[in-house]
C-alpha atoms as a PDB file:
ATOM      1  CA  MET A   1      -2.989  -3.794 -18.736  1.00  0.00           C
ATOM      2  CA  PRO A   2      -5.000  -2.565 -15.716  1.00  0.00           C
ATOM      3  CA  GLN A   3      -3.235   0.123 -13.670  1.00  0.00           C
ATOM      4  CA  PHE A   4      -3.476  -1.821 -10.421  1.00  0.00           C
ATOM      5  CA  LEU A   5      -1.558  -4.793 -11.830  1.00  0.00           C
ATOM      6  CA  ILE A   6       1.917  -3.190 -11.780  1.00  0.00           C
ATOM      7  CA  PRO A   7       1.931  -2.230  -8.067  1.00  0.00           C
ATOM      8  CA  LEU A   8       0.315  -5.573  -7.207  1.00  0.00           C
ATOM      9  CA  ILE A   9       3.066  -7.490  -9.004  1.00  0.00           C
ATOM     10  CA  GLY A  10       5.646  -5.209  -7.350  1.00  0.00           C
ATOM     11  CA  LEU A  11       4.219  -5.975  -3.888  1.00  0.00           C
ATOM     12  CA  ALA A  12       4.311  -9.701  -4.593  1.00  0.00           C
ATOM     13  CA  LEU A  13       7.945  -9.452  -5.726  1.00  0.00           C
ATOM     14  CA  VAL A  14       8.960  -7.396  -2.683  1.00  0.00           C
ATOM     15  CA  PHE A  15       7.333  -9.948  -0.395  1.00  0.00           C
ATOM     16  CA  LEU A  16       8.947 -12.907  -2.166  1.00  0.00           C
ATOM     17  CA  ILE A  17      12.390 -11.299  -2.207  1.00  0.00           C
ATOM     18  CA  SER A  18      12.235 -10.457   1.495  1.00  0.00           C
ATOM     19  CA  GLU A  19      11.024 -13.935   2.467  1.00  0.00           C
ATOM     20  CA  ILE A  20      13.463 -15.856   0.277  1.00  0.00           C
ATOM     21  CA  CYS A  21      16.498 -13.764   1.231  1.00  0.00           C
ATOM     22  CA  GLY A  22      15.514 -13.814   4.903  1.00  0.00           C
ATOM     23  CA  ARG A  23      15.361 -17.597   4.920  1.00  0.00           C
ATOM     24  CA  VAL A  24      18.318 -18.336   2.644  1.00  0.00           C
ATOM     25  CA  PHE A  25      20.676 -15.993   4.481  1.00  0.00           C
ATOM     26  CA  ASN A  26      19.083 -16.630   7.919  1.00  0.00           C
ATOM     27  CA  ILE A  27      18.532 -12.924   8.566  1.00  0.00           C
ATOM     28  CA  LYS A  28      17.195 -12.175  12.038  1.00  0.00           C
ATOM     29  CA  LYS A  29      17.674  -8.428  12.286  1.00  0.00           C
ATOM     30  CA  ASP A  30      14.648  -6.191  11.900  1.00  0.00           C
ATOM     31  CA  ALA A  31      16.752  -3.513  10.200  1.00  0.00           C
ATOM     32  CA  TYR A  32      17.037  -5.776   7.128  1.00  0.00           C
ATOM     33  CA  TYR A  33      13.296  -5.502   6.538  1.00  0.00           C
ATOM     34  CA  ALA A  34      13.096  -1.692   6.888  1.00  0.00           C
ATOM     35  CA  HIS A  35      13.483  -0.875   3.192  1.00  0.00           C
ATOM     36  CA  PHE A  36      10.837  -3.464   2.352  1.00  0.00           C
ATOM     37  CA  HIS A  37       8.354  -1.541   4.513  1.00  0.00           C
ATOM     38  CA  PHE A  38       9.218   1.705   2.726  1.00  0.00           C
ATOM     39  CA  VAL A  39       8.861   0.196  -0.756  1.00  0.00           C
ATOM     40  CA  GLY A  40       5.796  -1.736   0.389  1.00  0.00           C
ATOM     41  CA  GLY A  41       4.164   1.503   1.573  1.00  0.00           C
ATOM     42  CA  LEU A  42       4.931   3.154  -1.752  1.00  0.00           C
ATOM     43  CA  LEU A  43       3.559   0.280  -3.833  1.00  0.00           C
ATOM     44  CA  THR A  44       0.521  -0.177  -1.588  1.00  0.00           C
ATOM     45  CA  CYS A  45      -0.325   3.504  -1.957  1.00  0.00           C
ATOM     46  CA  LEU A  46      -0.051   3.243  -5.747  1.00  0.00           C
ATOM     47  CA  LEU A  47      -2.210   0.097  -5.713  1.00  0.00           C
ATOM     48  CA  PHE A  48      -4.955   1.714  -3.640  1.00  0.00           C
ATOM     49  CA  PHE A  49      -4.838   4.862  -5.769  1.00  0.00           C
ATOM     50  CA  ALA A  50      -5.270   2.747  -8.905  1.00  0.00           C
ATOM     51  CA  LEU A  51      -8.307   1.134  -7.292  1.00  0.00           C
ATOM     52  CA  THR A  52      -9.925   4.204  -5.666  1.00  0.00           C
ATOM     53  CA  LYS A  53      -8.577   7.215  -7.653  1.00  0.00           C
ATOM     54  CA  ASP A  54      -8.414   9.089  -4.324  1.00  0.00           C
ATOM     55  CA  LYS A  55      -4.959  10.060  -2.984  1.00  0.00           C
ATOM     56  CA  ILE A  56      -5.999  10.581   0.630  1.00  0.00           C
ATOM     57  CA  MET A  57      -7.933   7.307   0.715  1.00  0.00           C
ATOM     58  CA  ALA A  58      -4.906   5.556  -0.783  1.00  0.00           C
ATOM     59  CA  VAL A  59      -2.691   6.813   2.070  1.00  0.00           C
ATOM     60  CA  VAL A  60      -5.273   5.903   4.714  1.00  0.00           C
ATOM     61  CA  LEU A  61      -5.717   2.401   3.280  1.00  0.00           C
ATOM     62  CA  THR A  62      -1.939   2.024   3.153  1.00  0.00           C
ATOM     63  CA  LEU A  63      -1.737   2.829   6.867  1.00  0.00           C
ATOM     64  CA  VAL A  64      -4.548   0.369   7.621  1.00  0.00           C
ATOM     65  CA  THR A  65      -2.676  -2.254   5.605  1.00  0.00           C
ATOM     66  CA  GLY A  66       0.490  -1.486   7.596  1.00  0.00           C
ATOM     67  CA  VAL A  67      -1.348  -1.969  10.897  1.00  0.00           C
ATOM     68  CA  LEU A  68      -2.855  -5.249   9.662  1.00  0.00           C
ATOM     69  CA  TRP A  69       0.605  -6.380   8.558  1.00  0.00           C
ATOM     70  CA  GLU A  70       2.024  -5.663  12.024  1.00  0.00           C
ATOM     71  CA  ILE A  71      -0.791  -7.702  13.589  1.00  0.00           C
ATOM     72  CA  TYR A  72       0.036 -10.526  11.163  1.00  0.00           C
ATOM     73  CA  GLU A  73       3.732 -10.295  12.139  1.00  0.00           C
ATOM     74  CA  TYR A  74       2.854 -10.451  15.819  1.00  0.00           C
ATOM     75  CA  PHE A  75       0.814 -13.633  15.415  1.00  0.00           C
ATOM     76  CA  ARG A  76       3.347 -15.112  13.009  1.00  0.00           C
ATOM     77  CA  TYR A  77       6.291 -14.694  15.358  1.00  0.00           C
ATOM     78  CA  THR A  78       4.352 -15.379  18.560  1.00  0.00           C
ATOM     79  CA  TYR A  79       2.101 -18.339  17.801  1.00  0.00           C
ATOM     80  CA  LEU A  80       3.404 -20.089  14.695  1.00  0.00           C
ATOM     81  CA  PRO A  81       6.252 -22.612  14.836  1.00  0.00           C
ATOM     82  CA  LYS A  82       9.521 -20.995  15.854  1.00  0.00           C
ATOM     83  CA  ARG A  83      11.495 -21.433  12.635  1.00  0.00           C
ATOM     84  CA  ILE A  84      12.131 -17.717  12.643  1.00  0.00           C
ATOM     85  CA  THR A  85      13.179 -16.187  15.935  1.00  0.00           C
ATOM     86  CA  ILE A  86      12.792 -12.440  15.618  1.00  0.00           C
ATOM     87  CA  LYS A  87      12.130 -10.485  18.769  1.00  0.00           C
ATOM     88  CA  LEU A  88       9.345  -8.011  18.158  1.00  0.00           C
ATOM     89  CA  THR A  89       9.551  -4.667  19.910  1.00  0.00           C
ATOM     90  CA  ARG A  90       7.451  -1.535  20.012  1.00  0.00           C
ATOM     91  CA  LYS A  91      10.318   0.325  18.375  1.00  0.00           C
ATOM     92  CA  ASP A  92      10.287  -2.096  15.427  1.00  0.00           C
ATOM     93  CA  THR A  93       6.522  -1.749  15.024  1.00  0.00           C
ATOM     94  CA  ARG A  94       6.712   2.043  15.244  1.00  0.00           C
ATOM     95  CA  ASN A  95       9.540   2.199  12.695  1.00  0.00           C
ATOM     96  CA  ASP A  96       7.726  -0.162  10.322  1.00  0.00           C
ATOM     97  CA  LEU A  97       4.560   1.935  10.424  1.00  0.00           C
ATOM     98  CA  LEU A  98       6.548   5.142   9.983  1.00  0.00           C
ATOM     99  CA  LEU A  99       8.306   3.688   6.931  1.00  0.00           C
ATOM    100  CA  ASP A 100       4.934   2.564   5.542  1.00  0.00           C
ATOM    101  CA  LEU A 101       3.684   6.144   5.948  1.00  0.00           C
ATOM    102  CA  LEU A 102       6.806   7.674   4.366  1.00  0.00           C
ATOM    103  CA  GLY A 103       6.517   5.289   1.413  1.00  0.00           C
ATOM    104  CA  ALA A 104       2.837   6.198   1.018  1.00  0.00           C
ATOM    105  CA  LEU A 105       3.628   9.920   1.148  1.00  0.00           C
ATOM    106  CA  LEU A 106       6.297   9.471  -1.504  1.00  0.00           C
ATOM    107  CA  GLY A 107       3.743   7.586  -3.604  1.00  0.00           C
ATOM    108  CA  MET A 108       1.294  10.442  -3.194  1.00  0.00           C
ATOM    109  CA  ALA A 109       4.011  12.965  -4.136  1.00  0.00           C
ATOM    110  CA  VAL A 110       4.806  10.965  -7.275  1.00  0.00           C
ATOM    111  CA  LEU A 111       1.112  10.923  -8.193  1.00  0.00           C
ATOM    112  CA  TYR A 112       0.929  14.676  -7.602  1.00  0.00           C
ATOM    113  CA  LEU A 113       3.971  15.328  -9.789  1.00  0.00           C
ATOM    114  CA  LEU A 114       2.509  13.138 -12.540  1.00  0.00           C
ATOM    115  CA  ARG A 115      -0.764  15.080 -12.165  1.00  0.00           C
ATOM    116  CA  LEU A 116      -2.806  11.919 -11.651  1.00  0.00           C
END
């Protein structure tokens, strides 16, 4: 099995779990999604490392992915139909990007400890 497949499947599962639980339980608080950003940053870092074999590039690409995700969230909650009413704030965006970075740094630490 290719190395990139495990983090890719993990990212898909994290996304599905957050979306399904958010809709089923009608969750509107940003704090609910915080741990998904942390785990998402970790898995994204592992995915990019599996693809590039470069730890620094994996962290940088994880941060770029986090920024792109925040842009997606902005357009999703601003311009798409208002089924989900979450108020976006700068604090939420900052915290999400910080959690993405912390997850990526943990991913890099794990790779370092495994000597990969």
